[in-house]
Amino acid sequence: MSSNGFTTCLWFDGNAEAAAEYYLSVFKDGKPGRTARYPEDAPGRAGSVMVVEFEINGQKFVGLNGGPQFTFSEAVSFQIHCEDETEADYYYDALTKDGGEESACGWVKDKFGLSWQVIPPGAIELISDPDPERAARVFRAMMPMKKLDVAELRRAADAA
């Protein structure tokens, strides 16, 4: 049995092509892929974009123009593990501009409603500290944050 990995299919209401272009502009290592159009006698308008393929950060995606039946929710999100604070700031700002929105604990929604977790370096290690008291202090400090502040999380971890 062979496997070519996983491809994430994202359901859009007619704007999959615009979403793919947006994600390719945000993620600089992105690559566009194939586009397929609805044929005659299909559920979508003949000639309109049915699916658009793209790749970001090595992950393959398909944007499907499936209609208004399904929308994104916070039940699924994509984590961006950042190399440094500058990269974390870039993704946080890029994904919240033009109609995106901040949420809690480093989560954001982009302008299409897709949820992302922007994770600066050190955040995961702090929240999963083997010392339960340190981890609890980090958790309490993190809960009111929108953008994660690792320096503040470290201060909370080290507070006695």
N, C-alpha and C. Protein backbone atom coordinates (compact mmCIF):
# COMPACT_ATOMS: atom_id res chain seq x y z
N MET A 1 0.85 -1.17 0.00
CA MET A 1 0.00 0.00 0.00
C MET A 1 0.90 1.23 0.00
N SER A 2 0.71 2.11 -0.96
CA SER A 2 1.53 3.31 -1.01
C SER A 2 0.72 4.52 -0.58
N SER A 3 1.43 5.52 -0.11
CA SER A 3 0.78 6.75 0.34
C SER A 3 1.55 7.94 -0.21
N ASN A 4 0.83 8.89 -0.69
CA ASN A 4 1.45 10.14 -1.15
C ASN A 4 1.25 11.24 -0.14
N GLY A 5 1.02 10.90 1.11
CA GLY A 5 0.82 11.89 2.14
C GLY A 5 -0.62 12.34 2.23
N PHE A 6 -0.81 13.46 2.88
CA PHE A 6 -2.15 13.99 3.09
C PHE A 6 -2.31 15.30 2.35
N THR A 7 -3.53 15.53 1.90
CA THR A 7 -3.92 16.81 1.33
C THR A 7 -5.14 17.29 2.09
N THR A 8 -5.10 18.51 2.55
CA THR A 8 -6.22 19.09 3.28
C THR A 8 -7.15 19.76 2.29
N CYS A 9 -8.42 19.40 2.34
CA CYS A 9 -9.43 20.01 1.48
C CYS A 9 -10.17 21.07 2.29
N LEU A 10 -10.17 22.28 1.79
CA LEU A 10 -10.86 23.40 2.44
C LEU A 10 -12.08 23.77 1.61
N TRP A 11 -13.24 23.82 2.21
CA TRP A 11 -14.51 24.08 1.54
C TRP A 11 -14.80 25.58 1.56
N PHE A 12 -14.96 26.16 0.40
CA PHE A 12 -15.27 27.59 0.27
C PHE A 12 -16.59 27.79 -0.44
N ASP A 13 -17.13 28.97 -0.28
CA ASP A 13 -18.38 29.34 -0.93
C ASP A 13 -18.08 30.27 -2.11
N GLY A 14 -17.42 29.72 -3.12
CA GLY A 14 -17.18 30.47 -4.34
C GLY A 14 -15.90 31.29 -4.38
N ASN A 15 -15.12 31.29 -3.30
CA ASN A 15 -13.92 32.12 -3.29
C ASN A 15 -12.63 31.32 -3.05
N ALA A 16 -12.61 30.07 -3.47
CA ALA A 16 -11.43 29.22 -3.27
C ALA A 16 -10.21 29.77 -4.01
N GLU A 17 -10.41 30.30 -5.20
CA GLU A 17 -9.27 30.84 -5.96
C GLU A 17 -8.69 32.07 -5.26
N ALA A 18 -9.54 32.95 -4.78
CA ALA A 18 -9.07 34.13 -4.04
C ALA A 18 -8.37 33.71 -2.76
N ALA A 19 -8.88 32.68 -2.09
CA ALA A 19 -8.25 32.20 -0.86
C ALA A 19 -6.86 31.63 -1.16
N ALA A 20 -6.75 30.84 -2.21
CA ALA A 20 -5.45 30.27 -2.57
C ALA A 20 -4.45 31.38 -2.87
N GLU A 21 -4.86 32.39 -3.61
CA GLU A 21 -3.98 33.52 -3.91
C GLU A 21 -3.57 34.24 -2.63
N TYR A 22 -4.50 34.40 -1.71
CA TYR A 22 -4.21 35.04 -0.43
C TYR A 22 -3.18 34.23 0.36
N TYR A 23 -3.40 32.92 0.50
CA TYR A 23 -2.47 32.09 1.26
C TYR A 23 -1.09 32.07 0.61
N LEU A 24 -1.04 32.06 -0.70
CA LEU A 24 0.26 32.10 -1.40
C LEU A 24 0.96 33.43 -1.20
N SER A 25 0.21 34.49 -0.95
CA SER A 25 0.84 35.78 -0.68
C SER A 25 1.34 35.87 0.76
N VAL A 26 0.67 35.20 1.68
CA VAL A 26 1.06 35.22 3.09
C VAL A 26 2.24 34.29 3.35
N PHE A 27 2.19 33.09 2.80
CA PHE A 27 3.24 32.10 3.02
C PHE A 27 4.18 32.13 1.83
N LYS A 28 5.36 32.69 2.04
CA LYS A 28 6.29 32.99 0.94
C LYS A 28 6.83 31.76 0.23
N ASP A 29 6.79 30.60 0.88
CA ASP A 29 7.31 29.40 0.21
C ASP A 29 6.19 28.63 -0.49
N GLY A 30 5.04 29.26 -0.65
CA GLY A 30 3.89 28.59 -1.27
C GLY A 30 4.08 28.34 -2.75
N LYS A 31 3.35 27.33 -3.23
CA LYS A 31 3.41 26.97 -4.64
C LYS A 31 1.99 26.78 -5.16
N PRO A 32 1.65 27.41 -6.27
CA PRO A 32 0.33 27.16 -6.85
C PRO A 32 0.29 25.80 -7.51
N GLY A 33 -0.89 25.25 -7.66
CA GLY A 33 -1.06 23.96 -8.31
C GLY A 33 -2.10 24.07 -9.42
N ARG A 34 -2.74 22.95 -9.69
CA ARG A 34 -3.72 22.89 -10.78
C ARG A 34 -5.04 23.54 -10.36
N THR A 35 -5.79 23.94 -11.37
CA THR A 35 -7.15 24.46 -11.18
C THR A 35 -8.08 23.65 -12.07
N ALA A 36 -9.20 23.23 -11.51
CA ALA A 36 -10.22 22.52 -12.29
C ALA A 36 -11.51 23.34 -12.25
N ARG A 37 -12.21 23.33 -13.36
CA ARG A 37 -13.45 24.11 -13.48
C ARG A 37 -14.65 23.17 -13.56
N TYR A 38 -15.78 23.68 -13.14
CA TYR A 38 -17.03 22.91 -13.21
C TYR A 38 -17.41 22.69 -14.67
N PRO A 39 -17.74 21.44 -15.02
CA PRO A 39 -18.23 21.16 -16.37
C PRO A 39 -19.72 21.48 -16.48
N GLU A 40 -20.24 21.39 -17.66
CA GLU A 40 -21.69 21.52 -17.85
C GLU A 40 -22.39 20.45 -17.01
N ASP A 41 -23.60 20.73 -16.60
CA ASP A 41 -24.44 19.78 -15.84
C ASP A 41 -23.82 19.36 -14.51
N ALA A 42 -23.03 20.25 -13.91
CA ALA A 42 -22.43 19.99 -12.59
C ALA A 42 -23.14 20.87 -11.56
N PRO A 43 -22.93 20.60 -10.28
CA PRO A 43 -23.59 21.43 -9.26
C PRO A 43 -23.17 22.91 -9.31
N GLY A 44 -21.94 23.19 -9.73
CA GLY A 44 -21.47 24.57 -9.81
C GLY A 44 -21.74 25.16 -11.19
N ARG A 45 -21.56 26.48 -11.30
CA ARG A 45 -21.74 27.17 -12.59
C ARG A 45 -20.69 26.69 -13.58
N ALA A 46 -21.09 26.24 -14.74
CA ALA A 46 -20.17 25.73 -15.76
C ALA A 46 -19.08 26.76 -16.05
N GLY A 47 -17.83 26.31 -16.01
CA GLY A 47 -16.68 27.17 -16.29
C GLY A 47 -16.11 27.87 -15.07
N SER A 48 -16.85 27.90 -13.95
CA SER A 48 -16.32 28.53 -12.73
C SER A 48 -15.35 27.56 -12.05
N VAL A 49 -14.50 28.11 -11.19
CA VAL A 49 -13.50 27.29 -10.50
C VAL A 49 -14.19 26.31 -9.55
N MET A 50 -13.89 25.03 -9.73
CA MET A 50 -14.40 23.98 -8.84
C MET A 50 -13.37 23.74 -7.72
N VAL A 51 -12.12 23.47 -8.11
CA VAL A 51 -11.06 23.26 -7.12
C VAL A 51 -9.78 23.96 -7.59
N VAL A 52 -9.01 24.38 -6.61
CA VAL A 52 -7.70 24.96 -6.86
C VAL A 52 -6.72 24.34 -5.87
N GLU A 53 -5.60 23.85 -6.39
CA GLU A 53 -4.59 23.23 -5.55
C GLU A 53 -3.49 24.25 -5.24
N PHE A 54 -2.93 24.13 -4.04
CA PHE A 54 -1.79 24.96 -3.66
C PHE A 54 -1.06 24.27 -2.51
N GLU A 55 0.16 24.70 -2.28
CA GLU A 55 0.97 24.13 -1.22
C GLU A 55 1.58 25.28 -0.42
N ILE A 56 1.51 25.17 0.91
CA ILE A 56 2.17 26.14 1.78
C ILE A 56 2.91 25.38 2.88
N ASN A 57 4.11 25.83 3.14
CA ASN A 57 4.97 25.20 4.16
C ASN A 57 5.03 23.69 4.00
N GLY A 58 5.04 23.22 2.76
CA GLY A 58 5.14 21.80 2.48
C GLY A 58 3.84 21.03 2.61
N GLN A 59 2.77 21.69 3.02
CA GLN A 59 1.46 21.04 3.18
C GLN A 59 0.61 21.30 1.94
N LYS A 60 0.05 20.22 1.38
CA LYS A 60 -0.80 20.35 0.20
C LYS A 60 -2.24 20.66 0.61
N PHE A 61 -2.85 21.57 -0.14
CA PHE A 61 -4.24 21.96 0.09
C PHE A 61 -5.00 21.93 -1.23
N VAL A 62 -6.29 21.69 -1.12
CA VAL A 62 -7.23 21.85 -2.22
C VAL A 62 -8.32 22.77 -1.71
N GLY A 63 -8.56 23.86 -2.43
CA GLY A 63 -9.69 24.72 -2.13
C GLY A 63 -10.84 24.30 -3.02
N LEU A 64 -11.96 23.93 -2.44
CA LEU A 64 -13.13 23.46 -3.16
C LEU A 64 -14.24 24.49 -3.05
N ASN A 65 -14.75 24.94 -4.17
CA ASN A 65 -15.92 25.83 -4.18
C ASN A 65 -17.16 24.97 -4.10
N GLY A 66 -17.54 24.62 -2.88
CA GLY A 66 -18.65 23.70 -2.67
C GLY A 66 -19.98 24.37 -2.38
N GLY A 67 -19.97 25.65 -2.07
CA GLY A 67 -21.22 26.34 -1.77
C GLY A 67 -21.32 26.73 -0.30
N PRO A 68 -22.47 27.25 0.10
CA PRO A 68 -22.63 27.81 1.45
C PRO A 68 -22.96 26.79 2.54
N GLN A 69 -23.07 25.52 2.21
CA GLN A 69 -23.53 24.52 3.18
C GLN A 69 -22.61 24.38 4.40
N PHE A 70 -21.31 24.50 4.21
CA PHE A 70 -20.36 24.27 5.30
C PHE A 70 -19.44 25.48 5.45
N THR A 71 -19.11 25.79 6.69
CA THR A 71 -18.20 26.89 6.98
C THR A 71 -17.13 26.40 7.96
N PHE A 72 -16.08 27.17 8.06
CA PHE A 72 -15.00 26.84 8.98
C PHE A 72 -15.43 27.10 10.42
N SER A 73 -14.83 26.36 11.35
CA SER A 73 -15.02 26.63 12.77
C SER A 73 -13.68 26.45 13.46
N GLU A 74 -13.63 26.85 14.71
CA GLU A 74 -12.41 26.73 15.50
C GLU A 74 -12.09 25.28 15.86
N ALA A 75 -12.99 24.36 15.50
CA ALA A 75 -12.74 22.94 15.78
C ALA A 75 -11.53 22.43 15.01
N VAL A 76 -11.16 23.12 13.93
CA VAL A 76 -9.97 22.78 13.16
C VAL A 76 -9.15 24.05 12.98
N SER A 77 -7.87 23.95 13.26
CA SER A 77 -6.97 25.08 13.05
C SER A 77 -5.62 24.55 12.60
N PHE A 78 -4.83 25.45 12.05
CA PHE A 78 -3.49 25.10 11.59
C PHE A 78 -2.48 25.82 12.48
N GLN A 79 -1.51 25.08 12.97
CA GLN A 79 -0.47 25.67 13.81
C GLN A 79 0.71 26.10 12.95
N ILE A 80 1.18 27.31 13.23
CA ILE A 80 2.38 27.82 12.57
C ILE A 80 3.45 27.93 13.65
N HIS A 81 4.40 27.02 13.63
CA HIS A 81 5.50 27.04 14.59
C HIS A 81 6.58 27.96 14.02
N CYS A 82 6.73 29.11 14.65
CA CYS A 82 7.60 30.16 14.12
C CYS A 82 9.04 30.01 14.62
N GLU A 83 9.96 30.44 13.76
CA GLU A 83 11.40 30.37 14.09
C GLU A 83 11.81 31.41 15.11
N ASP A 84 11.15 32.59 15.07
CA ASP A 84 11.52 33.68 15.97
C ASP A 84 10.32 34.61 16.13
N GLU A 85 10.48 35.61 16.99
CA GLU A 85 9.40 36.57 17.26
C GLU A 85 9.03 37.37 16.00
N THR A 86 10.01 37.68 15.18
CA THR A 86 9.73 38.44 13.95
C THR A 86 8.80 37.66 13.04
N GLU A 87 9.06 36.37 12.89
CA GLU A 87 8.20 35.54 12.06
C GLU A 87 6.81 35.42 12.68
N ALA A 88 6.74 35.26 13.99
CA ALA A 88 5.44 35.18 14.68
C ALA A 88 4.64 36.46 14.47
N ASP A 89 5.30 37.60 14.61
CA ASP A 89 4.63 38.89 14.38
C ASP A 89 4.14 39.00 12.94
N TYR A 90 4.96 38.56 12.00
CA TYR A 90 4.58 38.62 10.59
C TYR A 90 3.29 37.84 10.34
N TYR A 91 3.25 36.57 10.76
CA TYR A 91 2.07 35.74 10.51
C TYR A 91 0.85 36.26 11.27
N TYR A 92 1.05 36.67 12.50
CA TYR A 92 -0.07 37.19 13.29
C TYR A 92 -0.68 38.40 12.60
N ASP A 93 0.17 39.33 12.18
CA ASP A 93 -0.32 40.54 11.52
C ASP A 93 -0.91 40.24 10.15
N ALA A 94 -0.25 39.40 9.37
CA ALA A 94 -0.72 39.09 8.01
C ALA A 94 -2.07 38.39 8.03
N LEU A 95 -2.27 37.50 8.98
CA LEU A 95 -3.51 36.72 9.02
C LEU A 95 -4.67 37.49 9.65
N THR A 96 -4.40 38.55 10.41
CA THR A 96 -5.48 39.31 11.02
C THR A 96 -5.85 40.56 10.22
N LYS A 97 -5.07 40.93 9.23
CA LYS A 97 -5.41 42.14 8.47
C LYS A 97 -6.50 41.86 7.44
N ASP A 98 -7.07 42.90 6.92
CA ASP A 98 -8.08 42.81 5.84
C ASP A 98 -9.27 41.93 6.20
N GLY A 99 -9.74 42.05 7.43
CA GLY A 99 -10.93 41.28 7.81
C GLY A 99 -10.67 40.09 8.69
N GLY A 100 -9.40 39.76 8.95
CA GLY A 100 -9.11 38.69 9.89
C GLY A 100 -9.36 39.19 11.30
N GLU A 101 -9.29 38.30 12.28
CA GLU A 101 -9.53 38.75 13.65
C GLU A 101 -8.70 37.97 14.65
N GLU A 102 -8.36 38.66 15.72
CA GLU A 102 -7.64 38.05 16.82
C GLU A 102 -8.62 37.21 17.64
N SER A 103 -8.08 36.19 18.26
CA SER A 103 -8.87 35.40 19.19
C SER A 103 -8.07 35.34 20.49
N ALA A 104 -8.01 34.22 21.12
CA ALA A 104 -7.27 34.09 22.38
C ALA A 104 -6.09 33.14 22.20
N CYS A 105 -5.08 33.33 23.03
CA CYS A 105 -3.96 32.39 23.15
C CYS A 105 -3.21 32.16 21.84
N GLY A 106 -3.05 33.21 21.04
CA GLY A 106 -2.31 33.08 19.79
C GLY A 106 -3.13 32.61 18.61
N TRP A 107 -4.42 32.38 18.81
CA TRP A 107 -5.28 31.96 17.71
C TRP A 107 -5.77 33.19 16.95
N VAL A 108 -5.87 33.04 15.65
CA VAL A 108 -6.43 34.08 14.80
C VAL A 108 -7.32 33.42 13.75
N LYS A 109 -8.21 34.23 13.21
CA LYS A 109 -8.99 33.80 12.05
C LYS A 109 -8.59 34.70 10.90
N ASP A 110 -8.34 34.11 9.74
CA ASP A 110 -8.04 34.94 8.58
C ASP A 110 -9.33 35.47 7.98
N LYS A 111 -9.22 36.26 6.94
CA LYS A 111 -10.40 36.90 6.35
C LYS A 111 -11.38 35.91 5.73
N PHE A 112 -10.99 34.66 5.56
CA PHE A 112 -11.89 33.63 5.04
C PHE A 112 -12.53 32.81 6.17
N GLY A 113 -12.14 33.10 7.42
CA GLY A 113 -12.70 32.41 8.58
C GLY A 113 -11.94 31.18 9.02
N LEU A 114 -10.79 30.91 8.39
CA LEU A 114 -9.98 29.75 8.75
C LEU A 114 -9.13 30.10 9.98
N SER A 115 -9.07 29.20 10.94
CA SER A 115 -8.35 29.44 12.19
C SER A 115 -6.91 28.96 12.12
N TRP A 116 -6.04 29.78 12.70
CA TRP A 116 -4.61 29.50 12.75
C TRP A 116 -4.13 29.74 14.18
N GLN A 117 -3.11 28.99 14.59
CA GLN A 117 -2.43 29.22 15.86
C GLN A 117 -1.00 29.66 15.55
N VAL A 118 -0.70 30.90 15.89
CA VAL A 118 0.64 31.43 15.65
C VAL A 118 1.45 31.20 16.92
N ILE A 119 2.45 30.31 16.81
CA ILE A 119 3.18 29.86 17.99
C ILE A 119 4.63 30.33 17.92
N PRO A 120 4.98 31.31 18.78
CA PRO A 120 6.37 31.76 18.81
C PRO A 120 7.25 30.71 19.48
N PRO A 121 8.56 30.77 19.22
CA PRO A 121 9.46 29.78 19.82
C PRO A 121 9.44 29.86 21.34
N GLY A 122 9.43 28.70 21.96
CA GLY A 122 9.45 28.61 23.42
C GLY A 122 8.08 28.48 24.06
N ALA A 123 7.02 28.83 23.35
CA ALA A 123 5.68 28.82 23.95
C ALA A 123 5.24 27.40 24.32
N ILE A 124 5.44 26.46 23.43
CA ILE A 124 5.00 25.07 23.70
C ILE A 124 5.78 24.49 24.88
N GLU A 125 7.07 24.76 24.93
CA GLU A 125 7.90 24.24 26.03
C GLU A 125 7.42 24.81 27.37
N LEU A 126 7.04 26.09 27.38
CA LEU A 126 6.60 26.70 28.64
C LEU A 126 5.25 26.14 29.10
N ILE A 127 4.32 26.00 28.20
CA ILE A 127 2.99 25.52 28.59
C ILE A 127 3.01 24.03 28.95
N SER A 128 4.01 23.32 28.45
CA SER A 128 4.10 21.88 28.76
C SER A 128 5.26 21.58 29.72
N ASP A 129 5.63 22.57 30.52
CA ASP A 129 6.71 22.39 31.50
C ASP A 129 6.39 21.18 32.37
N PRO A 130 7.39 20.32 32.63
CA PRO A 130 7.14 19.14 33.46
C PRO A 130 6.75 19.47 34.91
N ASP A 131 7.09 20.67 35.36
CA ASP A 131 6.69 21.11 36.69
C ASP A 131 5.26 21.63 36.59
N PRO A 132 4.29 20.94 37.18
CA PRO A 132 2.89 21.33 37.02
C PRO A 132 2.58 22.74 37.53
N GLU A 133 3.29 23.19 38.54
CA GLU A 133 3.05 24.54 39.05
C GLU A 133 3.53 25.59 38.06
N ARG A 134 4.69 25.37 37.46
CA ARG A 134 5.19 26.31 36.43
C ARG A 134 4.23 26.33 35.23
N ALA A 135 3.82 25.14 34.79
CA ALA A 135 2.91 25.05 33.65
C ALA A 135 1.59 25.75 33.96
N ALA A 136 1.10 25.63 35.19
CA ALA A 136 -0.16 26.28 35.57
C ALA A 136 -0.01 27.80 35.55
N ARG A 137 1.14 28.31 36.03
CA ARG A 137 1.36 29.76 36.00
C ARG A 137 1.41 30.27 34.56
N VAL A 138 2.05 29.51 33.70
CA VAL A 138 2.12 29.88 32.28
C VAL A 138 0.70 29.87 31.68
N PHE A 139 -0.05 28.85 31.99
CA PHE A 139 -1.42 28.75 31.47
C PHE A 139 -2.26 29.95 31.91
N ARG A 140 -2.19 30.29 33.19
CA ARG A 140 -2.96 31.43 33.69
C ARG A 140 -2.53 32.73 33.02
N ALA A 141 -1.23 32.88 32.77
CA ALA A 141 -0.74 34.09 32.09
C ALA A 141 -1.17 34.12 30.62
N MET A 142 -1.24 32.95 30.01
CA MET A 142 -1.58 32.86 28.59
C MET A 142 -3.06 33.13 28.31
N MET A 143 -3.93 32.73 29.20
CA MET A 143 -5.37 32.78 28.93
C MET A 143 -5.88 34.18 28.54
N PRO A 144 -5.46 35.26 29.15
CA PRO A 144 -5.99 36.56 28.72
C PRO A 144 -5.27 37.15 27.48
N MET A 145 -4.19 36.50 27.05
CA MET A 145 -3.43 37.02 25.91
C MET A 145 -4.15 36.78 24.60
N LYS A 146 -3.98 37.69 23.69
CA LYS A 146 -4.37 37.44 22.30
C LYS A 146 -3.11 36.93 21.60
N LYS A 147 -2.19 37.82 21.25
CA LYS A 147 -0.90 37.42 20.69
C LYS A 147 -0.05 36.90 21.85
N LEU A 148 0.59 35.76 21.66
CA LEU A 148 1.40 35.19 22.73
C LEU A 148 2.66 36.02 22.95
N ASP A 149 2.92 36.33 24.21
CA ASP A 149 4.10 37.09 24.63
C ASP A 149 4.98 36.11 25.42
N VAL A 150 5.98 35.56 24.76
CA VAL A 150 6.81 34.53 25.38
C VAL A 150 7.59 35.08 26.57
N ALA A 151 8.05 36.32 26.49
CA ALA A 151 8.77 36.92 27.62
C ALA A 151 7.87 36.96 28.86
N GLU A 152 6.62 37.33 28.66
CA GLU A 152 5.67 37.36 29.78
C GLU A 152 5.37 35.95 30.28
N LEU A 153 5.29 35.00 29.38
CA LEU A 153 5.07 33.60 29.79
C LEU A 153 6.26 33.09 30.60
N ARG A 154 7.47 33.48 30.21
CA ARG A 154 8.66 33.08 30.97
C ARG A 154 8.64 33.69 32.37
N ARG A 155 8.26 34.98 32.44
CA ARG A 155 8.17 35.64 33.76
C ARG A 155 7.17 34.89 34.65
N ALA A 156 6.03 34.52 34.06
CA ALA A 156 5.03 33.81 34.84
C ALA A 156 5.56 32.44 35.29
N ALA A 157 6.25 31.75 34.42
CA ALA A 157 6.82 30.45 34.78
C ALA A 157 7.79 30.57 35.93
N ASP A 158 8.61 31.62 35.90
CA ASP A 158 9.67 31.79 36.90
C ASP A 158 9.18 32.43 38.19
N ALA A 159 7.96 32.99 38.20
CA ALA A 159 7.43 33.60 39.42
C ALA A 159 7.17 32.51 40.45
N ALA A 160 7.49 32.81 41.68
CA ALA A 160 7.29 31.78 42.71
C ALA A 160 6.24 32.18 43.69
